[in-house]
Amino acid sequence: MLSQFGVTVVTASNGREAVSLVRDDHFDLILMDVQMPEMDGYEATRLIRERFDAVDLPILALTANAMHGDREQSLAAGMNGHLSKPIDPGELADALADWLHDRVEGEGRITSQGVKEEEVGGMILNEEVALPRVAGNVDLYLELLQQFVDEYGSSFHKYEDLLGEGDFEGARCLIHAMKGASGNLGMERLFEAARSLENELKGQTSETISAQNRFKNMLGKTLEAIQQRLVRKNDRL
């Protein structure tokens, strides 16, 4: 799955091998399976953290156990975040975009479809990518599109209101939620615009205004594309 995101992948068969690889080579991100032979992912992370902190080398936990305490245990071991198996491609794309953003600048940006923005630019509404996430159920997909319109159709006005109230964290959380929803529903360009705006909001840089304008413009185009698709409810791929 990772190869489709345009990243170079190195695998380890157990925790000891993972620690050894990190000691001998350079990595931008580690996806750490917590259940491995010889040494589990938690112990491997603790050893890696003796050399690299969470900023220099992000580590995301992978676990098949979606238990309440998994996230807390992962963070306590020194991991930056947590992904549950089976891995959802949209969630994986979000994680890669979040943690590899600064490391791929100038080389293309990871999107929810695993391509570089400079190469193809993405699609406003990519139904072929989104349908597998709903088991090919077109009716469910259209229902989710309508829910997106209902929930986020006026989101930019809400975003502006939050900024006006000085609630920058609330504004960032709103954009983050839209980033996840748009990525899962195949809204490639809106996902990228939301990801860019969220990153600018984290740093409050001089590019925030232009990122806001790009997001507003792409939200309008995406909503228009959704409305056109909903009109064609009888169409099937």
Foldseek 3Di string as FASTA:
>chain_A
DLVLLVDDDDDDQFLVRVLVVVVVDDDQEEEAEQDHPPHGRLVSLLSVCVPDACLRYAYEYEYQDPDPCPQVSCVVSRHDYYAYPPGDLLVVQVVCQVRCVVVCVPPFGGWSRNDGCVVPVFDQFDQVVQCVLVVNPLVVLLVLLVVCCVVCVVVLVVLVVCVVVVNLVVSLVSLVVVLSSCSNRRRTNLNVLSSVLSVCSVVVDPCNVVSSVSNVVSSVVSNVVSVVVNVPSVDHD
